[in-house]
């Protein structure tokens, strides 16, 4: 299998790529900066990207002139479409063994793994000395959760998106007198899930 260095301007992103990868570009760019471009982009005979759109965008962000590529000229157009989907789908079917992951992360001392999307939380990040924001009423109940890092990341991202909609008045939310934006965003997520459950 031959790896060719191809001018990045000659590559063509697949316009119907169903995978939305903008959120990963910075982390992949950090990985390329730290470790080099270790996984080639797969393209067809017309230089259209089959797999590696995130690496392509990261390389563009880093202003790279050329990137390593593998030409999948042995696949039919239908096989290329199937491979493009299969390559993305298989990533969804794997998951972390968090005990082993934490052990591995705990043995990395000189590399900041936050740069690659890992939420590393130290003991200093935990703080029980806090007050509720102004406007909270006496009927507020405080809840705390212990989450795996992957779960925490998804929840943080979801709350951030809901909070944006609330702040922009695109999503009116019943606050019940609670001015805590995280709490209100979490309530809205759960309320919408409950409504969907009732519909089904």
N, C-alpha and C. Protein backbone atom coordinates (compact mmCIF):
# COMPACT_ATOMS: atom_id res chain seq x y z
N UNK A 1 0.85 -1.18 0.00
CA UNK A 1 0.00 0.00 0.00
C UNK A 1 0.89 1.24 0.00
N UNK A 2 0.74 2.06 -1.01
CA UNK A 2 1.63 3.21 -1.17
C UNK A 2 1.04 4.46 -0.53
N UNK A 3 1.87 5.16 0.23
CA UNK A 3 1.47 6.44 0.82
C UNK A 3 2.10 7.56 0.00
N UNK A 4 1.26 8.47 -0.49
CA UNK A 4 1.75 9.58 -1.31
C UNK A 4 1.53 10.90 -0.57
N UNK A 5 2.50 11.79 -0.65
CA UNK A 5 2.31 13.15 -0.15
C UNK A 5 1.67 13.98 -1.26
N UNK A 6 0.47 14.49 -0.98
CA UNK A 6 -0.30 15.22 -1.99
C UNK A 6 -0.56 16.64 -1.50
N UNK A 7 -0.44 17.58 -2.40
CA UNK A 7 -0.72 18.98 -2.08
C UNK A 7 -2.14 19.09 -1.53
N UNK A 8 -2.28 19.73 -0.40
CA UNK A 8 -3.58 19.77 0.28
C UNK A 8 -4.64 20.49 -0.56
N UNK A 9 -4.20 21.41 -1.42
CA UNK A 9 -5.16 22.14 -2.27
C UNK A 9 -5.75 21.26 -3.37
N UNK A 10 -5.13 20.10 -3.60
CA UNK A 10 -5.64 19.19 -4.62
C UNK A 10 -6.71 18.24 -4.07
N UNK A 11 -6.85 18.20 -2.74
CA UNK A 11 -7.83 17.31 -2.13
C UNK A 11 -9.22 17.94 -2.15
N UNK A 12 -10.24 17.08 -2.29
CA UNK A 12 -11.61 17.55 -2.36
C UNK A 12 -12.43 16.89 -1.26
N UNK A 13 -12.90 17.67 -0.29
CA UNK A 13 -13.81 17.09 0.72
C UNK A 13 -15.07 16.55 0.05
N UNK A 14 -15.60 15.46 0.59
CA UNK A 14 -16.83 14.88 0.06
C UNK A 14 -18.01 15.75 0.50
N UNK A 15 -18.73 16.33 -0.46
CA UNK A 15 -19.75 17.33 -0.13
C UNK A 15 -20.92 16.75 0.66
N UNK A 16 -21.18 15.45 0.55
CA UNK A 16 -22.30 14.83 1.28
C UNK A 16 -21.84 14.09 2.52
N UNK A 17 -20.67 14.45 3.03
CA UNK A 17 -20.17 13.77 4.22
C UNK A 17 -21.16 13.95 5.38
N UNK A 18 -21.75 12.86 5.89
CA UNK A 18 -22.77 13.00 6.93
C UNK A 18 -22.18 13.16 8.33
N UNK A 19 -20.87 13.05 8.44
CA UNK A 19 -20.22 13.14 9.75
C UNK A 19 -19.84 14.59 10.02
N UNK A 20 -20.36 15.17 11.10
CA UNK A 20 -20.06 16.54 11.47
C UNK A 20 -18.89 16.52 12.46
N UNK A 21 -17.75 17.04 12.03
CA UNK A 21 -16.52 16.84 12.79
C UNK A 21 -15.84 18.12 13.24
N UNK A 22 -16.52 19.26 13.14
CA UNK A 22 -15.88 20.54 13.46
C UNK A 22 -15.36 20.57 14.90
N UNK A 23 -16.08 19.92 15.81
CA UNK A 23 -15.68 19.96 17.22
C UNK A 23 -14.39 19.23 17.52
N UNK A 24 -13.94 18.38 16.60
CA UNK A 24 -12.73 17.60 16.84
C UNK A 24 -11.49 18.17 16.17
N UNK A 25 -11.68 19.19 15.33
CA UNK A 25 -10.57 19.68 14.51
C UNK A 25 -9.40 20.19 15.35
N UNK A 26 -9.69 21.01 16.36
CA UNK A 26 -8.62 21.56 17.19
C UNK A 26 -7.82 20.47 17.87
N UNK A 27 -8.50 19.44 18.36
CA UNK A 27 -7.81 18.34 19.06
C UNK A 27 -6.94 17.54 18.11
N UNK A 28 -7.44 17.31 16.90
CA UNK A 28 -6.65 16.58 15.91
C UNK A 28 -5.45 17.43 15.49
N UNK A 29 -5.65 18.74 15.35
CA UNK A 29 -4.53 19.63 15.01
C UNK A 29 -3.47 19.58 16.10
N UNK A 30 -3.90 19.56 17.35
CA UNK A 30 -2.95 19.45 18.47
C UNK A 30 -2.19 18.13 18.40
N UNK A 31 -2.89 17.06 18.04
CA UNK A 31 -2.25 15.76 17.93
C UNK A 31 -1.20 15.75 16.82
N UNK A 32 -1.55 16.35 15.69
CA UNK A 32 -0.60 16.41 14.57
C UNK A 32 0.63 17.22 14.96
N UNK A 33 0.41 18.34 15.67
CA UNK A 33 1.54 19.17 16.11
C UNK A 33 2.44 18.39 17.06
N UNK A 34 1.82 17.62 17.95
CA UNK A 34 2.59 16.92 18.99
C UNK A 34 3.27 15.66 18.47
N UNK A 35 2.61 14.93 17.58
CA UNK A 35 3.10 13.59 17.21
C UNK A 35 3.39 13.42 15.72
N UNK A 36 3.01 14.41 14.91
CA UNK A 36 3.18 14.27 13.47
C UNK A 36 1.92 13.70 12.82
N UNK A 37 1.89 13.72 11.50
CA UNK A 37 0.73 13.23 10.75
C UNK A 37 0.91 11.72 10.55
N UNK A 38 0.38 10.94 11.50
CA UNK A 38 0.66 9.49 11.53
C UNK A 38 -0.38 8.64 10.83
N UNK A 39 -1.56 9.19 10.55
CA UNK A 39 -2.63 8.42 9.90
C UNK A 39 -2.97 9.08 8.58
N UNK A 40 -2.66 8.45 7.45
CA UNK A 40 -2.91 9.08 6.14
C UNK A 40 -4.39 9.31 5.88
N UNK A 41 -4.67 10.26 5.02
CA UNK A 41 -6.02 10.49 4.53
C UNK A 41 -6.26 9.52 3.37
N UNK A 42 -7.45 8.94 3.32
CA UNK A 42 -7.78 8.02 2.23
C UNK A 42 -8.60 8.78 1.20
N UNK A 43 -8.18 8.71 -0.05
CA UNK A 43 -8.86 9.43 -1.14
C UNK A 43 -9.17 8.46 -2.28
N UNK A 44 -10.06 8.88 -3.17
CA UNK A 44 -10.33 8.07 -4.36
C UNK A 44 -9.41 8.54 -5.50
N UNK A 45 -9.58 7.99 -6.67
CA UNK A 45 -8.68 8.30 -7.79
C UNK A 45 -8.83 9.74 -8.28
N UNK A 46 -9.93 10.41 -7.84
CA UNK A 46 -10.16 11.81 -8.22
C UNK A 46 -9.76 12.78 -7.11
N UNK A 47 -9.04 12.25 -6.10
CA UNK A 47 -8.58 13.05 -4.95
C UNK A 47 -9.72 13.50 -4.04
N UNK A 48 -10.89 12.86 -4.14
CA UNK A 48 -11.97 13.16 -3.22
C UNK A 48 -11.77 12.34 -1.95
N UNK A 49 -11.97 12.97 -0.80
CA UNK A 49 -11.68 12.31 0.47
C UNK A 49 -12.70 11.21 0.76
N UNK A 50 -12.20 10.05 1.06
CA UNK A 50 -13.03 8.91 1.47
C UNK A 50 -13.10 8.85 2.99
N UNK A 51 -11.96 8.94 3.64
CA UNK A 51 -11.88 8.94 5.10
C UNK A 51 -10.74 9.86 5.52
N UNK A 52 -11.03 10.72 6.49
CA UNK A 52 -9.99 11.62 6.98
C UNK A 52 -10.35 13.09 6.86
N UNK A 53 -11.65 13.40 6.84
CA UNK A 53 -12.05 14.80 6.73
C UNK A 53 -11.56 15.64 7.90
N UNK A 54 -11.57 15.07 9.11
CA UNK A 54 -11.11 15.83 10.27
C UNK A 54 -9.62 16.11 10.17
N UNK A 55 -8.86 15.11 9.73
CA UNK A 55 -7.42 15.31 9.56
C UNK A 55 -7.15 16.36 8.48
N UNK A 56 -7.96 16.34 7.43
CA UNK A 56 -7.83 17.34 6.37
C UNK A 56 -8.06 18.75 6.92
N UNK A 57 -9.14 18.94 7.69
CA UNK A 57 -9.44 20.25 8.26
C UNK A 57 -8.36 20.68 9.25
N UNK A 58 -7.84 19.72 10.02
CA UNK A 58 -6.77 20.04 10.97
C UNK A 58 -5.51 20.47 10.23
N UNK A 59 -5.20 19.79 9.13
CA UNK A 59 -4.02 20.15 8.33
C UNK A 59 -4.19 21.54 7.72
N UNK A 60 -5.41 21.85 7.28
CA UNK A 60 -5.68 23.19 6.76
C UNK A 60 -5.47 24.24 7.85
N UNK A 61 -5.94 23.92 9.05
CA UNK A 61 -5.79 24.85 10.17
C UNK A 61 -4.31 25.09 10.49
N UNK A 62 -3.51 24.04 10.34
CA UNK A 62 -2.07 24.15 10.60
C UNK A 62 -1.30 24.70 9.41
N UNK A 63 -2.03 25.01 8.33
CA UNK A 63 -1.45 25.58 7.11
C UNK A 63 -0.38 24.66 6.51
N UNK A 64 -0.66 23.35 6.55
CA UNK A 64 0.24 22.39 5.94
C UNK A 64 0.12 22.47 4.42
N UNK A 65 1.21 22.28 3.72
CA UNK A 65 1.22 22.35 2.27
C UNK A 65 0.82 21.02 1.62
N UNK A 66 1.24 19.91 2.25
CA UNK A 66 0.92 18.58 1.72
C UNK A 66 0.64 17.63 2.88
N UNK A 67 -0.09 16.57 2.57
CA UNK A 67 -0.44 15.59 3.61
C UNK A 67 -0.28 14.18 3.03
N UNK A 68 0.02 13.19 3.88
CA UNK A 68 0.13 11.81 3.38
C UNK A 68 -1.25 11.25 3.06
N UNK A 69 -1.34 10.57 1.93
CA UNK A 69 -2.62 10.03 1.46
C UNK A 69 -2.43 8.61 0.93
N UNK A 70 -3.49 7.84 1.02
CA UNK A 70 -3.57 6.52 0.38
C UNK A 70 -4.69 6.60 -0.64
N UNK A 71 -4.41 6.20 -1.86
CA UNK A 71 -5.42 6.23 -2.93
C UNK A 71 -6.14 4.88 -2.98
N UNK A 72 -7.43 4.90 -2.70
CA UNK A 72 -8.24 3.68 -2.72
C UNK A 72 -8.77 3.44 -4.12
N UNK A 73 -7.85 3.21 -5.06
CA UNK A 73 -8.27 3.04 -6.45
C UNK A 73 -8.71 1.62 -6.76
N UNK A 74 -8.70 0.75 -5.74
CA UNK A 74 -9.15 -0.63 -5.93
C UNK A 74 -10.62 -0.81 -5.58
N UNK A 75 -11.29 0.27 -5.13
CA UNK A 75 -12.69 0.17 -4.71
C UNK A 75 -13.62 0.76 -5.76
N UNK A 76 -14.79 0.17 -5.89
CA UNK A 76 -15.81 0.71 -6.77
C UNK A 76 -16.45 1.93 -6.10
N UNK A 77 -17.15 2.77 -6.87
CA UNK A 77 -17.83 3.92 -6.26
C UNK A 77 -18.78 3.51 -5.13
N UNK A 78 -19.47 2.40 -5.28
CA UNK A 78 -20.37 1.95 -4.22
C UNK A 78 -19.60 1.50 -2.99
N UNK A 79 -18.49 0.80 -3.21
CA UNK A 79 -17.66 0.38 -2.09
C UNK A 79 -17.09 1.57 -1.34
N UNK A 80 -16.74 2.62 -2.07
CA UNK A 80 -16.21 3.83 -1.43
C UNK A 80 -17.28 4.46 -0.54
N UNK A 81 -18.51 4.54 -1.03
CA UNK A 81 -19.60 5.08 -0.22
C UNK A 81 -19.80 4.24 1.04
N UNK A 82 -19.78 2.93 0.87
CA UNK A 82 -19.98 2.03 2.01
C UNK A 82 -18.83 2.13 3.00
N UNK A 83 -17.60 2.19 2.48
CA UNK A 83 -16.43 2.28 3.36
C UNK A 83 -16.43 3.58 4.13
N UNK A 84 -16.82 4.67 3.48
CA UNK A 84 -16.86 5.98 4.14
C UNK A 84 -17.78 5.93 5.36
N UNK A 85 -18.95 5.32 5.21
CA UNK A 85 -19.89 5.20 6.31
C UNK A 85 -19.40 4.21 7.36
N UNK A 86 -18.89 3.07 6.90
CA UNK A 86 -18.44 2.04 7.83
C UNK A 86 -17.29 2.54 8.69
N UNK A 87 -16.37 3.30 8.08
CA UNK A 87 -15.22 3.81 8.82
C UNK A 87 -15.66 4.69 9.98
N UNK A 88 -16.69 5.51 9.76
CA UNK A 88 -17.19 6.37 10.83
C UNK A 88 -18.01 5.59 11.85
N UNK A 89 -18.82 4.65 11.36
CA UNK A 89 -19.72 3.92 12.25
C UNK A 89 -18.96 3.06 13.25
N UNK A 90 -17.88 2.44 12.81
CA UNK A 90 -17.15 1.55 13.72
C UNK A 90 -16.58 2.29 14.91
N UNK A 91 -16.29 3.59 14.76
CA UNK A 91 -15.79 4.36 15.90
C UNK A 91 -16.86 4.50 16.98
N UNK A 92 -18.13 4.56 16.55
CA UNK A 92 -19.22 4.70 17.51
C UNK A 92 -19.42 3.43 18.34
N UNK A 93 -19.00 2.31 17.81
CA UNK A 93 -19.30 1.03 18.46
C UNK A 93 -18.25 0.63 19.50
N UNK A 94 -17.20 1.42 19.62
CA UNK A 94 -16.20 1.14 20.65
C UNK A 94 -16.46 2.04 21.86
N UNK A 95 -15.89 1.68 22.99
CA UNK A 95 -16.09 2.49 24.20
C UNK A 95 -14.86 2.34 25.09
N UNK A 96 -14.77 3.25 26.05
CA UNK A 96 -13.61 3.26 26.96
C UNK A 96 -13.82 2.31 28.13
N UNK A 97 -12.76 1.62 28.51
CA UNK A 97 -12.68 0.98 29.82
C UNK A 97 -12.09 2.06 30.73
N UNK A 98 -12.93 2.73 31.51
CA UNK A 98 -12.49 3.92 32.22
C UNK A 98 -11.44 3.62 33.28
N UNK A 99 -11.48 2.44 33.84
CA UNK A 99 -10.46 2.09 34.83
C UNK A 99 -9.08 2.03 34.17
N UNK A 100 -9.01 1.36 33.00
CA UNK A 100 -7.74 1.30 32.28
C UNK A 100 -7.36 2.65 31.71
N UNK A 101 -8.35 3.41 31.23
CA UNK A 101 -8.07 4.73 30.69
C UNK A 101 -7.45 5.63 31.75
N UNK A 102 -8.05 5.64 32.93
CA UNK A 102 -7.52 6.48 34.00
C UNK A 102 -6.12 6.05 34.41
N UNK A 103 -5.88 4.75 34.37
CA UNK A 103 -4.54 4.25 34.68
C UNK A 103 -3.53 4.74 33.65
N UNK A 104 -3.92 4.69 32.37
CA UNK A 104 -3.02 5.17 31.32
C UNK A 104 -2.78 6.67 31.43
N UNK A 105 -3.86 7.42 31.65
CA UNK A 105 -3.72 8.87 31.79
C UNK A 105 -2.86 9.23 33.00
N UNK A 106 -2.99 8.43 34.05
CA UNK A 106 -2.22 8.69 35.27
C UNK A 106 -0.72 8.48 35.09
N UNK A 107 -0.34 7.79 34.02
CA UNK A 107 1.09 7.54 33.76
C UNK A 107 1.67 8.49 32.72
N UNK A 108 0.90 9.51 32.35
CA UNK A 108 1.39 10.52 31.41
C UNK A 108 1.58 11.81 32.20
N UNK A 109 2.82 12.26 32.30
CA UNK A 109 3.14 13.39 33.17
C UNK A 109 3.54 14.65 32.41
N UNK A 110 4.19 14.50 31.27
CA UNK A 110 4.78 15.66 30.59
C UNK A 110 4.01 16.10 29.36
N UNK A 111 2.86 15.49 29.12
CA UNK A 111 2.03 15.86 27.96
C UNK A 111 0.65 16.24 28.49
N UNK A 112 0.16 17.40 28.08
CA UNK A 112 -1.15 17.87 28.51
C UNK A 112 -2.24 17.19 27.69
N UNK A 113 -2.90 16.20 28.27
CA UNK A 113 -3.90 15.44 27.53
C UNK A 113 -5.20 16.22 27.30
N UNK A 114 -5.35 17.35 27.99
CA UNK A 114 -6.50 18.22 27.69
C UNK A 114 -6.44 18.71 26.25
N UNK A 115 -5.23 18.81 25.70
CA UNK A 115 -5.07 19.28 24.33
C UNK A 115 -5.72 18.35 23.32
N UNK A 116 -5.98 17.10 23.73
CA UNK A 116 -6.53 16.10 22.82
C UNK A 116 -7.96 15.71 23.18
N UNK A 117 -8.61 16.54 24.01
CA UNK A 117 -10.02 16.33 24.31
C UNK A 117 -10.32 15.57 25.59
N UNK A 118 -9.28 15.23 26.35
CA UNK A 118 -9.51 14.55 27.62
C UNK A 118 -9.73 15.60 28.71
N UNK A 119 -10.80 15.44 29.49
CA UNK A 119 -11.05 16.34 30.60
C UNK A 119 -10.35 15.79 31.83
N UNK A 120 -9.15 16.30 32.09
CA UNK A 120 -8.38 15.85 33.24
C UNK A 120 -8.74 16.72 34.42
N UNK A 121 -9.29 16.10 35.45
CA UNK A 121 -9.72 16.84 36.64
C UNK A 121 -8.83 16.44 37.81
N UNK A 122 -8.22 17.43 38.43
CA UNK A 122 -7.39 17.16 39.60
C UNK A 122 -8.23 17.35 40.86
N UNK A 123 -7.70 16.93 41.99
CA UNK A 123 -8.41 17.06 43.25
C UNK A 123 -8.68 18.53 43.57
N UNK A 124 -7.79 19.42 43.09
CA UNK A 124 -7.95 20.84 43.35
C UNK A 124 -9.17 21.42 42.65
N UNK A 125 -9.69 20.71 41.63
CA UNK A 125 -10.86 21.21 40.90
C UNK A 125 -12.16 21.01 41.67
N UNK A 126 -12.13 20.17 42.72
CA UNK A 126 -13.33 19.93 43.50
C UNK A 126 -13.41 20.96 44.61
N UNK A 127 -14.57 21.59 44.75
CA UNK A 127 -14.73 22.64 45.73
C UNK A 127 -16.14 22.56 46.30
N UNK A 128 -16.24 22.42 47.59
CA UNK A 128 -17.56 22.34 48.22
C UNK A 128 -17.93 23.65 48.90
N UNK A 129 -17.05 24.64 48.82
CA UNK A 129 -17.30 25.95 49.42
C UNK A 129 -17.87 26.88 48.36
N UNK A 130 -19.20 26.89 48.22
CA UNK A 130 -19.81 27.70 47.18
C UNK A 130 -21.13 28.24 47.67
N UNK A 131 -21.61 29.28 47.00
CA UNK A 131 -22.93 29.84 47.29
C UNK A 131 -23.73 29.82 46.00
N UNK A 132 -25.05 29.79 46.13
CA UNK A 132 -25.91 29.80 44.95
C UNK A 132 -25.97 31.20 44.37
N UNK A 133 -26.16 31.33 43.05
CA UNK A 133 -26.23 32.65 42.43
C UNK A 133 -27.37 33.48 42.98
N UNK A 134 -27.20 34.81 42.90
CA UNK A 134 -28.26 35.70 43.34
C UNK A 134 -29.55 35.38 42.59
N UNK A 135 -30.63 35.41 43.30
CA UNK A 135 -31.92 35.15 42.67
C UNK A 135 -32.46 33.78 43.01
N UNK A 136 -31.60 32.87 43.49
CA UNK A 136 -32.09 31.56 43.87
C UNK A 136 -32.94 31.67 45.14
N UNK A 137 -33.97 30.90 45.19
CA UNK A 137 -34.90 30.95 46.32
C UNK A 137 -34.61 29.81 47.30
N UNK A 138 -35.33 29.84 48.39
CA UNK A 138 -35.06 28.87 49.46
C UNK A 138 -35.50 27.45 49.09
N UNK A 139 -36.32 27.30 48.07
CA UNK A 139 -36.79 25.95 47.71
C UNK A 139 -35.87 25.28 46.70
N UNK A 140 -34.61 25.73 46.61
CA UNK A 140 -33.65 25.14 45.68
C UNK A 140 -33.07 23.86 46.28
N UNK A 141 -32.96 22.84 45.47
CA UNK A 141 -32.33 21.58 45.89
C UNK A 141 -31.04 21.39 45.11
N UNK A 142 -29.95 21.16 45.83
CA UNK A 142 -28.66 20.96 45.18
C UNK A 142 -28.46 19.47 44.90
N UNK A 143 -28.03 19.15 43.67
CA UNK A 143 -27.78 17.77 43.29
C UNK A 143 -26.33 17.66 42.81
N UNK A 144 -25.68 16.58 43.12
CA UNK A 144 -24.32 16.36 42.62
C UNK A 144 -24.23 14.96 42.03
N UNK A 145 -23.35 14.80 41.03
CA UNK A 145 -23.23 13.54 40.32
C UNK A 145 -21.76 13.19 40.15
N UNK A 146 -21.49 11.90 40.16
CA UNK A 146 -20.17 11.41 39.77
C UNK A 146 -20.30 10.79 38.39
N UNK A 147 -19.51 11.29 37.45
CA UNK A 147 -19.65 10.88 36.06
C UNK A 147 -18.33 10.43 35.48
N UNK A 148 -18.42 9.51 34.52
CA UNK A 148 -17.24 9.20 33.72
C UNK A 148 -16.94 10.42 32.85
N UNK A 149 -15.68 10.59 32.49
CA UNK A 149 -15.28 11.79 31.75
C UNK A 149 -16.02 11.92 30.43
N UNK A 150 -16.25 10.80 29.73
CA UNK A 150 -16.98 10.86 28.46
C UNK A 150 -18.41 11.36 28.69
N UNK A 151 -19.02 10.89 29.79
CA UNK A 151 -20.37 11.33 30.11
C UNK A 151 -20.38 12.82 30.44
N UNK A 152 -19.41 13.24 31.26
CA UNK A 152 -19.34 14.64 31.67
C UNK A 152 -19.16 15.55 30.46
N UNK A 153 -18.33 15.12 29.52
CA UNK A 153 -18.09 15.95 28.33
C UNK A 153 -19.37 16.13 27.53
N UNK A 154 -20.11 15.04 27.31
CA UNK A 154 -21.36 15.13 26.55
C UNK A 154 -22.36 16.03 27.26
N UNK A 155 -22.47 15.87 28.58
CA UNK A 155 -23.43 16.68 29.35
C UNK A 155 -23.04 18.15 29.31
N UNK A 156 -21.75 18.45 29.49
CA UNK A 156 -21.30 19.85 29.44
C UNK A 156 -21.61 20.48 28.09
N UNK A 157 -21.32 19.76 27.02
CA UNK A 157 -21.58 20.28 25.68
C UNK A 157 -23.06 20.52 25.45
N UNK A 158 -23.90 19.57 25.92
CA UNK A 158 -25.35 19.70 25.75
C UNK A 158 -25.88 20.88 26.55
N UNK A 159 -25.43 21.04 27.79
CA UNK A 159 -25.87 22.16 28.62
C UNK A 159 -25.45 23.48 28.00
N UNK A 160 -24.25 23.52 27.44
CA UNK A 160 -23.77 24.75 26.81
C UNK A 160 -24.66 25.15 25.64
N UNK A 161 -25.08 24.16 24.83
CA UNK A 161 -25.93 24.45 23.68
C UNK A 161 -27.31 24.93 24.13
N UNK A 162 -27.87 24.26 25.15
CA UNK A 162 -29.18 24.66 25.66
C UNK A 162 -29.12 26.06 26.27
N UNK A 163 -28.03 26.35 27.01
CA UNK A 163 -27.89 27.67 27.63
C UNK A 163 -27.82 28.77 26.58
N UNK A 164 -27.15 28.48 25.45
CA UNK A 164 -27.09 29.47 24.36
C UNK A 164 -28.50 29.80 23.87
N UNK A 165 -29.31 28.76 23.70
CA UNK A 165 -30.68 28.97 23.21
C UNK A 165 -31.52 29.74 24.23
N UNK A 166 -31.31 29.44 25.52
CA UNK A 166 -32.06 30.14 26.56
C UNK A 166 -31.65 31.61 26.59
N UNK A 167 -30.34 31.86 26.55
CA UNK A 167 -29.83 33.23 26.60
C UNK A 167 -30.32 34.06 25.43
N UNK A 168 -30.41 33.42 24.26
CA UNK A 168 -30.87 34.12 23.05
C UNK A 168 -32.40 34.19 22.96
N UNK A 169 -33.07 33.75 24.02
CA UNK A 169 -34.54 33.74 24.05
C UNK A 169 -35.16 32.90 22.95
N UNK A 170 -34.41 31.93 22.46
CA UNK A 170 -34.94 31.01 21.46
C UNK A 170 -35.67 29.85 22.12
N UNK A 171 -35.41 29.68 23.41
CA UNK A 171 -35.98 28.54 24.13
C UNK A 171 -36.46 29.02 25.50
N UNK A 172 -37.74 29.38 25.61
CA UNK A 172 -38.26 29.82 26.91
C UNK A 172 -38.32 28.64 27.88
N UNK A 173 -37.75 28.85 29.06
CA UNK A 173 -37.68 27.76 30.05
C UNK A 173 -38.28 28.23 31.36
N UNK A 174 -39.10 27.40 31.97
CA UNK A 174 -39.65 27.68 33.29
C UNK A 174 -38.54 27.50 34.32
N UNK A 175 -38.14 28.58 34.99
CA UNK A 175 -37.01 28.52 35.93
C UNK A 175 -37.44 28.18 37.35
N UNK A 176 -38.74 28.32 37.67
CA UNK A 176 -39.23 28.08 39.03
C UNK A 176 -38.46 28.92 40.06
N UNK A 177 -38.03 30.11 39.64
CA UNK A 177 -37.31 30.98 40.56
C UNK A 177 -35.83 30.68 40.70
N UNK A 178 -35.33 29.73 39.91
CA UNK A 178 -33.91 29.37 39.99
C UNK A 178 -33.15 30.07 38.86
N UNK A 179 -32.16 30.88 39.21
CA UNK A 179 -31.41 31.62 38.20
C UNK A 179 -30.11 30.92 37.82
N UNK A 180 -29.93 29.68 38.25
CA UNK A 180 -28.71 28.94 37.90
C UNK A 180 -28.84 28.43 36.47
N UNK A 181 -28.03 28.94 35.53
CA UNK A 181 -28.21 28.56 34.12
C UNK A 181 -27.94 27.08 33.84
N UNK A 182 -26.98 26.49 34.56
CA UNK A 182 -26.73 25.05 34.36
C UNK A 182 -27.93 24.23 34.80
N UNK A 183 -28.49 24.59 35.95
CA UNK A 183 -29.64 23.86 36.45
C UNK A 183 -30.83 23.97 35.53
N UNK A 184 -31.07 25.16 35.00
CA UNK A 184 -32.20 25.36 34.10
C UNK A 184 -32.00 24.63 32.77
N UNK A 185 -30.75 24.64 32.29
CA UNK A 185 -30.47 23.92 31.04
C UNK A 185 -30.65 22.43 31.23
N UNK A 186 -30.20 21.91 32.37
CA UNK A 186 -30.36 20.48 32.65
C UNK A 186 -31.84 20.13 32.76
N UNK A 187 -32.60 20.98 33.42
CA UNK A 187 -34.05 20.76 33.52
C UNK A 187 -34.68 20.68 32.14
N UNK A 188 -34.28 21.57 31.23
CA UNK A 188 -34.87 21.60 29.89
C UNK A 188 -34.53 20.34 29.11
N UNK A 189 -33.29 19.86 29.26
CA UNK A 189 -32.90 18.61 28.59
C UNK A 189 -33.79 17.46 29.07
N UNK A 190 -33.94 17.34 30.38
CA UNK A 190 -34.72 16.25 30.96
C UNK A 190 -36.20 16.42 30.60
N UNK A 191 -36.70 17.67 30.62
CA UNK A 191 -38.11 17.91 30.27
C UNK A 191 -38.39 17.46 28.84
N UNK A 192 -37.47 17.81 27.91
CA UNK A 192 -37.67 17.41 26.52
C UNK A 192 -37.62 15.90 26.37
N UNK A 193 -36.71 15.25 27.09
CA UNK A 193 -36.65 13.78 27.05
C UNK A 193 -37.95 13.18 27.56
N UNK A 194 -38.49 13.76 28.64
CA UNK A 194 -39.72 13.23 29.22
C UNK A 194 -40.89 13.40 28.25
N UNK A 195 -40.92 14.53 27.55
CA UNK A 195 -41.99 14.75 26.56
C UNK A 195 -41.89 13.72 25.44
N UNK A 196 -40.68 13.46 24.96
CA UNK A 196 -40.50 12.46 23.90
C UNK A 196 -40.91 11.08 24.38
N UNK A 197 -40.57 10.76 25.61
CA UNK A 197 -40.94 9.45 26.16
C UNK A 197 -42.45 9.29 26.20
N UNK A 198 -43.15 10.35 26.54
CA UNK A 198 -44.63 10.28 26.60
C UNK A 198 -45.21 10.09 25.20
N UNK A 199 -44.57 10.72 24.21
CA UNK A 199 -45.06 10.59 22.84
C UNK A 199 -44.90 9.17 22.31
N UNK A 200 -43.87 8.49 22.78
CA UNK A 200 -43.62 7.11 22.31
C UNK A 200 -44.43 6.12 23.13
